[in-house]
């Protein structure tokens, strides 16, 4: 009977110790930086887009810009 009581007490003590929750305090530092304003400048180069509704071609050399748009949809 003493062995059974000793075993039950040991199991109870292990259960109490293992279920103890520990709180970990984490320190989070948030640094906010202002983003530089975005400036859009016309990009130089050539672009070609092919889709189900047609073809678009554009070119920009800094001084002049050309755009060609060919639609293949039937407009009724």
PDB file of N, CA and C in Angstrom:
ATOM      1  N   UNK A   1       0.814  -1.176   0.000  1.00  0.00           N
ATOM      2  CA  UNK A   1       0.000   0.000   0.000  1.00  0.00           C
ATOM      3  C   UNK A   1       0.870   1.257   0.000  1.00  0.00           C
ATOM      4  N   UNK A   2       2.003   1.200   0.690  1.00  0.00           N
ATOM      5  CA  UNK A   2       2.881   2.358   0.739  1.00  0.00           C
ATOM      6  C   UNK A   2       3.497   2.622  -0.630  1.00  0.00           C
ATOM      7  N   UNK A   3       3.776   1.555  -1.381  1.00  0.00           N
ATOM      8  CA  UNK A   3       4.366   1.715  -2.707  1.00  0.00           C
ATOM      9  C   UNK A   3       3.379   2.403  -3.654  1.00  0.00           C
ATOM     10  N   UNK A   4       2.114   1.993  -3.585  1.00  0.00           N
ATOM     11  CA  UNK A   4       1.093   2.563  -4.451  1.00  0.00           C
ATOM     12  C   UNK A   4       0.924   4.052  -4.130  1.00  0.00           C
ATOM     13  N   UNK A   5       0.910   4.411  -2.860  1.00  0.00           N
ATOM     14  CA  UNK A   5       0.768   5.804  -2.457  1.00  0.00           C
ATOM     15  C   UNK A   5       1.972   6.618  -2.910  1.00  0.00           C
ATOM     16  N   UNK A   6       3.162   6.046  -2.778  1.00  0.00           N
ATOM     17  CA  UNK A   6       4.381   6.711  -3.197  1.00  0.00           C
ATOM     18  C   UNK A   6       4.395   6.919  -4.717  1.00  0.00           C
ATOM     19  N   UNK A   7       3.958   5.956  -5.487  1.00  0.00           N
ATOM     20  CA  UNK A   7       3.914   6.057  -6.948  1.00  0.00           C
ATOM     21  C   UNK A   7       2.893   7.110  -7.365  1.00  0.00           C
ATOM     22  N   UNK A   8       1.705   7.110  -6.744  1.00  0.00           N
ATOM     23  CA  UNK A   8       0.681   8.092  -7.082  1.00  0.00           C
ATOM     24  C   UNK A   8       1.157   9.499  -6.731  1.00  0.00           C
ATOM     25  N   UNK A   9       1.819   9.674  -5.609  1.00  0.00           N
ATOM     26  CA  UNK A   9       2.326  10.984  -5.200  1.00  0.00           C
ATOM     27  C   UNK A   9       3.412  11.460  -6.162  1.00  0.00           C
ATOM     28  N   UNK A  10       4.259  10.553  -6.603  1.00  0.00           N
ATOM     29  CA  UNK A  10       5.323  10.904  -7.546  1.00  0.00           C
ATOM     30  C   UNK A  10       4.725  11.338  -8.885  1.00  0.00           C
ATOM     31  N   UNK A  11       3.748  10.610  -9.360  1.00  0.00           N
ATOM     32  CA  UNK A  11       3.099  10.955 -10.623  1.00  0.00           C
ATOM     33  C   UNK A  11       2.388  12.302 -10.506  1.00  0.00           C
ATOM     34  N   UNK A  12       1.743  12.555  -9.374  1.00  0.00           N
ATOM     35  CA  UNK A  12       1.044  13.827  -9.172  1.00  0.00           C
ATOM     36  C   UNK A  12       2.037  14.984  -9.150  1.00  0.00           C
ATOM     37  N   UNK A  13       3.167  14.816  -8.488  1.00  0.00           N
ATOM     38  CA  UNK A  13       4.178  15.874  -8.430  1.00  0.00           C
ATOM     39  C   UNK A  13       4.770  16.146  -9.812  1.00  0.00           C
ATOM     40  N   UNK A  14       5.022  15.089 -10.576  1.00  0.00           N
ATOM     41  CA  UNK A  14       5.537  15.277 -11.930  1.00  0.00           C
ATOM     42  C   UNK A  14       4.513  15.988 -12.814  1.00  0.00           C
ATOM     43  N   UNK A  15       3.240  15.665 -12.628  1.00  0.00           N
ATOM     44  CA  UNK A  15       2.194  16.320 -13.402  1.00  0.00           C
ATOM     45  C   UNK A  15       2.080  17.794 -13.075  1.00  0.00           C
ATOM     46  N   UNK A  16       2.203  18.150 -11.808  1.00  0.00           N
ATOM     47  CA  UNK A  16       2.115  19.554 -11.407  1.00  0.00           C
ATOM     48  C   UNK A  16       3.304  20.338 -11.939  1.00  0.00           C
ATOM     49  N   UNK A  17       4.496  19.767 -11.865  1.00  0.00           N
ATOM     50  CA  UNK A  17       5.697  20.455 -12.323  1.00  0.00           C
ATOM     51  C   UNK A  17       5.700  20.613 -13.839  1.00  0.00           C
ATOM     52  N   UNK A  18       5.258  19.593 -14.553  1.00  0.00           N
ATOM     53  CA  UNK A  18       5.311  19.651 -16.013  1.00  0.00           C
ATOM     54  C   UNK A  18       4.226  20.550 -16.594  1.00  0.00           C
ATOM     55  N   UNK A  19       3.136  20.787 -15.914  1.00  0.00           N
ATOM     56  CA  UNK A  19       2.052  21.617 -16.429  1.00  0.00           C
ATOM     57  C   UNK A  19       2.220  23.090 -16.086  1.00  0.00           C
ATOM     58  N   UNK A  20       3.231  23.439 -15.372  1.00  0.00           N
ATOM     59  CA  UNK A  20       3.441  24.830 -15.001  1.00  0.00           C
ATOM     60  C   UNK A  20       3.794  25.634 -16.251  1.00  0.00           C
ATOM     61  N   UNK A  21       3.034  26.701 -16.489  1.00  0.00           N
ATOM     62  CA  UNK A  21       3.261  27.527 -17.662  1.00  0.00           C
ATOM     63  C   UNK A  21       4.227  28.646 -17.320  1.00  0.00           C
ATOM     64  N   UNK A  22       5.103  28.924 -18.245  1.00  0.00           N
ATOM     65  CA  UNK A  22       6.025  30.033 -18.062  1.00  0.00           C
ATOM     66  C   UNK A  22       5.675  31.103 -19.081  1.00  0.00           C
ATOM     67  N   UNK A  23       5.683  32.340 -18.651  1.00  0.00           N
ATOM     68  CA  UNK A  23       5.390  33.450 -19.552  1.00  0.00           C
ATOM     69  C   UNK A  23       6.697  34.073 -19.978  1.00  0.00           C
ATOM     70  N   UNK A  24       6.877  34.086 -21.273  1.00  0.00           N
ATOM     71  CA  UNK A  24       8.067  34.707 -21.822  1.00  0.00           C
ATOM     72  C   UNK A  24       7.683  36.075 -22.351  1.00  0.00           C
ATOM     73  N   UNK A  25       8.335  37.088 -21.852  1.00  0.00           N
ATOM     74  CA  UNK A  25       8.066  38.437 -22.314  1.00  0.00           C
ATOM     75  C   UNK A  25       8.997  38.750 -23.477  1.00  0.00           C
ATOM     76  N   UNK A  26       8.387  39.027 -24.601  1.00  0.00           N
ATOM     77  CA  UNK A  26       9.192  39.362 -25.765  1.00  0.00           C
ATOM     78  C   UNK A  26       9.085  40.858 -26.007  1.00  0.00           C
ATOM     79  N   UNK A  27      10.187  41.456 -26.292  1.00  0.00           N
ATOM     80  CA  UNK A  27      10.219  42.879 -26.576  1.00  0.00           C
ATOM     81  C   UNK A  27      10.324  43.065 -28.081  1.00  0.00           C
ATOM     82  N   UNK A  28       9.294  43.665 -28.647  1.00  0.00           N
ATOM     83  CA  UNK A  28       9.260  43.906 -30.078  1.00  0.00           C
ATOM     84  C   UNK A  28       9.406  45.398 -30.325  1.00  0.00           C
ATOM     85  N   UNK A  29      10.366  45.744 -31.130  1.00  0.00           N
ATOM     86  CA  UNK A  29      10.601  47.138 -31.463  1.00  0.00           C
ATOM     87  C   UNK A  29      10.134  47.358 -32.897  1.00  0.00           C
ATOM     88  N   UNK A  30       9.242  48.323 -33.075  1.00  0.00           N
ATOM     89  CA  UNK A  30       8.725  48.641 -34.398  1.00  0.00           C
ATOM     90  C   UNK A  30       9.333  49.967 -34.833  1.00  0.00           C
ATOM     91  N   UNK A  31       9.988  49.938 -35.971  1.00  0.00           N
ATOM     92  CA  UNK A  31      10.612  51.138 -36.511  1.00  0.00           C
ATOM     93  C   UNK A  31       9.865  51.512 -37.780  1.00  0.00           C
ATOM     94  N   UNK A  32       9.329  52.724 -37.794  1.00  0.00           N
ATOM     95  CA  UNK A  32       8.599  53.187 -38.965  1.00  0.00           C
ATOM     96  C   UNK A  32       9.461  54.172 -39.728  1.00  0.00           C
ATOM     97  N   UNK A  33       9.558  53.955 -41.028  1.00  0.00           N
ATOM     98  CA  UNK A  33      10.325  54.846 -41.883  1.00  0.00           C
ATOM     99  C   UNK A  33       9.399  55.384 -42.961  1.00  0.00           C
ATOM    100  N   UNK A  34       9.577  56.653 -43.266  1.00  0.00           N
ATOM    101  CA  UNK A  34       8.775  57.246 -44.318  1.00  0.00           C
ATOM    102  C   UNK A  34       9.340  56.855 -45.678  1.00  0.00           C
ATOM    103  N   UNK A  35       8.450  56.480 -46.560  1.00  0.00           N
ATOM    104  CA  UNK A  35       8.867  56.093 -47.908  1.00  0.00           C
ATOM    105  C   UNK A  35       9.048  57.350 -48.752  1.00  0.00           C
ATOM    106  N   UNK A  36      10.022  57.303 -49.613  1.00  0.00           N
ATOM    107  CA  UNK A  36      10.263  58.427 -50.517  1.00  0.00           C
ATOM    108  C   UNK A  36       9.124  58.493 -51.524  1.00  0.00           C
ATOM    109  N   UNK A  37       8.679  59.681 -51.880  1.00  0.00           N
ATOM    110  CA  UNK A  37       7.587  59.781 -52.849  1.00  0.00           C
ATOM    111  C   UNK A  37       8.014  59.220 -54.199  1.00  0.00           C
ATOM    112  N   UNK A  38       7.122  58.469 -54.776  1.00  0.00           N
ATOM    113  CA  UNK A  38       7.418  57.835 -56.066  1.00  0.00           C
ATOM    114  C   UNK A  38       7.227  58.844 -57.183  1.00  0.00           C
ATOM    115  N   UNK A  39       8.220  58.939 -58.021  1.00  0.00           N
ATOM    116  CA  UNK A  39       8.126  59.813 -59.189  1.00  0.00           C
ATOM    117  C   UNK A  39       8.200  58.938 -60.424  1.00  0.00           C
ATOM    118  N   UNK A  40       7.201  59.093 -61.254  1.00  0.00           N
ATOM    119  CA  UNK A  40       7.180  58.297 -62.478  1.00  0.00           C
ATOM    120  C   UNK A  40       7.710  59.128 -63.633  1.00  0.00           C
ATOM    121  N   UNK A  41       8.751  58.644 -64.211  1.00  0.00           N
ATOM    122  CA  UNK A  41       9.306  59.273 -65.403  1.00  0.00           C
ATOM    123  C   UNK A  41       9.045  58.330 -66.563  1.00  0.00           C
ATOM    124  N   UNK A  42       8.776  58.872 -67.718  1.00  0.00           N
ATOM    125  CA  UNK A  42       8.556  57.986 -68.862  1.00  0.00           C
ATOM    126  C   UNK A  42       9.792  57.126 -69.122  1.00  0.00           C
ATOM    127  N   UNK A  43       9.568  55.850 -69.222  1.00  0.00           N
ATOM    128  CA  UNK A  43      10.679  54.931 -69.460  1.00  0.00           C
ATOM    129  C   UNK A  43      11.035  54.928 -70.939  1.00  0.00           C
ATOM    130  N   UNK A  44      12.299  54.924 -71.204  1.00  0.00           N
ATOM    131  CA  UNK A  44      12.760  54.837 -72.581  1.00  0.00           C
ATOM    132  C   UNK A  44      12.827  53.374 -72.978  1.00  0.00           C
ATOM    133  N   UNK A  45      12.486  53.094 -74.203  1.00  0.00           N
ATOM    134  CA  UNK A  45      12.579  51.728 -74.684  1.00  0.00           C
ATOM    135  C   UNK A  45      11.413  51.376 -75.571  1.00  0.00           C
ATOM    136  N   UNK A  46      11.283  50.088 -75.832  1.00  0.00           N
ATOM    137  CA  UNK A  46      10.262  49.583 -76.726  1.00  0.00           C
ATOM    138  C   UNK A  46       9.447  48.529 -75.999  1.00  0.00           C
ATOM    139  N   UNK A  47       8.133  48.518 -76.227  1.00  0.00           N
ATOM    140  CA  UNK A  47       7.238  47.575 -75.580  1.00  0.00           C
ATOM    141  C   UNK A  47       6.343  46.943 -76.627  1.00  0.00           C
ATOM    142  N   UNK A  48       6.124  45.632 -76.500  1.00  0.00           N
ATOM    143  CA  UNK A  48       5.236  44.907 -77.407  1.00  0.00           C
ATOM    144  C   UNK A  48       4.359  43.993 -76.567  1.00  0.00           C
ATOM    145  N   UNK A  49       3.029  44.157 -76.693  1.00  0.00           N
ATOM    146  CA  UNK A  49       2.080  43.326 -75.962  1.00  0.00           C
ATOM    147  C   UNK A  49       1.161  42.639 -76.951  1.00  0.00           C
ATOM    148  N   UNK A  50       1.056  41.322 -76.837  1.00  0.00           N
ATOM    149  CA  UNK A  50       0.185  40.546 -77.713  1.00  0.00           C
ATOM    150  C   UNK A  50      -0.843  39.858 -76.831  1.00  0.00           C
ATOM    151  N   UNK A  51      -2.110  40.077 -77.105  1.00  0.00           N
ATOM    152  CA  UNK A  51      -3.174  39.475 -76.323  1.00  0.00           C
ATOM    153  C   UNK A  51      -4.266  38.950 -77.228  1.00  0.00           C
ATOM    154  N   UNK A  52      -5.319  38.442 -76.617  1.00  0.00           N
ATOM    155  CA  UNK A  52      -6.414  37.877 -77.402  1.00  0.00           C
ATOM    156  C   UNK A  52      -7.209  38.958 -78.122  1.00  0.00           C
ATOM    157  N   UNK A  53      -7.109  40.208 -77.668  1.00  0.00           N
ATOM    158  CA  UNK A  53      -7.865  41.276 -78.310  1.00  0.00           C
ATOM    159  C   UNK A  53      -7.037  42.091 -79.299  1.00  0.00           C
ATOM    160  N   UNK A  54      -5.764  41.783 -79.478  1.00  0.00           N
ATOM    161  CA  UNK A  54      -4.964  42.503 -80.455  1.00  0.00           C
ATOM    162  C   UNK A  54      -3.522  42.659 -80.053  1.00  0.00           C
ATOM    163  N   UNK A  55      -2.850  43.624 -80.707  1.00  0.00           N
ATOM    164  CA  UNK A  55      -1.429  43.858 -80.504  1.00  0.00           C
ATOM    165  C   UNK A  55      -1.229  45.328 -80.157  1.00  0.00           C
ATOM    166  N   UNK A  56      -0.344  45.610 -79.208  1.00  0.00           N
ATOM    167  CA  UNK A  56       0.010  46.979 -78.876  1.00  0.00           C
ATOM    168  C   UNK A  56       1.521  47.110 -78.922  1.00  0.00           C
ATOM    169  N   UNK A  57       1.995  48.111 -79.642  1.00  0.00           N
ATOM    170  CA  UNK A  57       3.413  48.378 -79.798  1.00  0.00           C
ATOM    171  C   UNK A  57       3.661  49.826 -79.414  1.00  0.00           C
ATOM    172  N   UNK A  58       4.656  50.065 -78.555  1.00  0.00           N
ATOM    173  CA  UNK A  58       4.987  51.444 -78.202  1.00  0.00           C
ATOM    174  C   UNK A  58       6.492  51.585 -78.076  1.00  0.00           C
ATOM    175  N   UNK A  59       6.965  52.775 -78.420  1.00  0.00           N
ATOM    176  CA  UNK A  59       8.388  53.075 -78.324  1.00  0.00           C
ATOM    177  C   UNK A  59       8.549  54.488 -77.775  1.00  0.00           C
ATOM    178  N   UNK A  60       9.606  54.693 -77.002  1.00  0.00           N
ATOM    179  CA  UNK A  60       9.873  55.991 -76.384  1.00  0.00           C
ATOM    180  C   UNK A  60      11.379  56.179 -76.366  1.00  0.00           C
ATOM    181  N   UNK A  61      11.850  57.257 -77.022  1.00  0.00           N
ATOM    182  CA  UNK A  61      13.291  57.511 -77.040  1.00  0.00           C
ATOM    183  C   UNK A  61      13.668  58.743 -76.218  1.00  0.00           C
ATOM    184  N   UNK A  62      12.770  59.213 -75.367  1.00  0.00           N
ATOM    185  CA  UNK A  62      13.066  60.365 -74.534  1.00  0.00           C
ATOM    186  C   UNK A  62      12.488  61.644 -75.086  1.00  0.00           C
ATOM    187  N   UNK A  63      12.579  61.850 -76.389  1.00  0.00           N
ATOM    188  CA  UNK A  63      12.063  63.071 -77.007  1.00  0.00           C
ATOM    189  C   UNK A  63      10.708  62.843 -77.655  1.00  0.00           C
ATOM    190  N   UNK A  64      10.507  61.682 -78.236  1.00  0.00           N
ATOM    191  CA  UNK A  64       9.237  61.395 -78.900  1.00  0.00           C
ATOM    192  C   UNK A  64       8.727  60.030 -78.461  1.00  0.00           C
ATOM    193  N   UNK A  65       7.402  59.875 -78.572  1.00  0.00           N
ATOM    194  CA  UNK A  65       6.767  58.634 -78.162  1.00  0.00           C
ATOM    195  C   UNK A  65       5.807  58.192 -79.250  1.00  0.00           C
ATOM    196  N   UNK A  66       5.813  56.894 -79.565  1.00  0.00           N
ATOM    197  CA  UNK A  66       4.940  56.350 -80.598  1.00  0.00           C
ATOM    198  C   UNK A  66       4.186  55.162 -80.022  1.00  0.00           C
ATOM    199  N   UNK A  67       2.864  55.127 -80.248  1.00  0.00           N
ATOM    200  CA  UNK A  67       2.054  54.000 -79.809  1.00  0.00           C
ATOM    201  C   UNK A  67       1.196  53.520 -80.962  1.00  0.00           C
ATOM    202  N   UNK A  68       1.176  52.200 -81.164  1.00  0.00           N
ATOM    203  CA  UNK A  68       0.351  51.590 -82.201  1.00  0.00           C
ATOM    204  C   UNK A  68      -0.479  50.513 -81.528  1.00  0.00           C
ATOM    205  N   UNK A  69      -1.808  50.575 -81.702  1.00  0.00           N
ATOM    206  CA  UNK A  69      -2.715  49.619 -81.078  1.00  0.00           C
ATOM    207  C   UNK A  69      -3.597  49.026 -82.173  1.00  0.00           C
ATOM    208  N   UNK A  70      -3.509  47.717 -82.373  1.00  0.00           N
ATOM    209  CA  UNK A  70      -4.288  47.029 -83.394  1.00  0.00           C
ATOM    210  C   UNK A  70      -5.245  46.079 -82.678  1.00  0.00           C
ATOM    211  N   UNK A  71      -6.535  46.348 -82.771  1.00  0.00           N
ATOM    212  CA  UNK A  71      -7.561  45.510 -82.139  1.00  0.00           C
ATOM    213  C   UNK A  71      -8.109  44.537 -83.158  1.00  0.00           C
ATOM    214  N   UNK A  72      -8.304  43.293 -82.770  1.00  0.00           N
ATOM    215  CA  UNK A  72      -8.841  42.288 -83.669  1.00  0.00           C
ATOM    216  C   UNK A  72     -10.274  41.916 -83.308  1.00  0.00           C
ATOM    217  N   UNK A  73     -10.857  42.594 -82.316  1.00  0.00           N
ATOM    218  CA  UNK A  73     -12.229  42.299 -81.949  1.00  0.00           C
ATOM    219  C   UNK A  73     -13.180  42.878 -83.000  1.00  0.00           C
ATOM    220  N   UNK A  74     -14.209  42.136 -83.287  1.00  0.00           N
ATOM    221  CA  UNK A  74     -15.256  42.610 -84.210  1.00  0.00           C
ATOM    222  C   UNK A  74     -16.208  43.478 -83.418  1.00  0.00           C
ATOM    223  N   UNK A  75     -16.306  44.724 -83.795  1.00  0.00           N
ATOM    224  CA  UNK A  75     -17.223  45.641 -83.136  1.00  0.00           C
ATOM    225  C   UNK A  75     -18.481  45.756 -83.977  1.00  0.00           C
ATOM    226  N   UNK A  76     -19.624  45.455 -83.385  1.00  0.00           N
ATOM    227  CA  UNK A  76     -20.906  45.517 -84.113  1.00  0.00           C
ATOM    228  C   UNK A  76     -21.787  46.522 -83.466  1.00  0.00           C
TER     229      UNK A  76
END
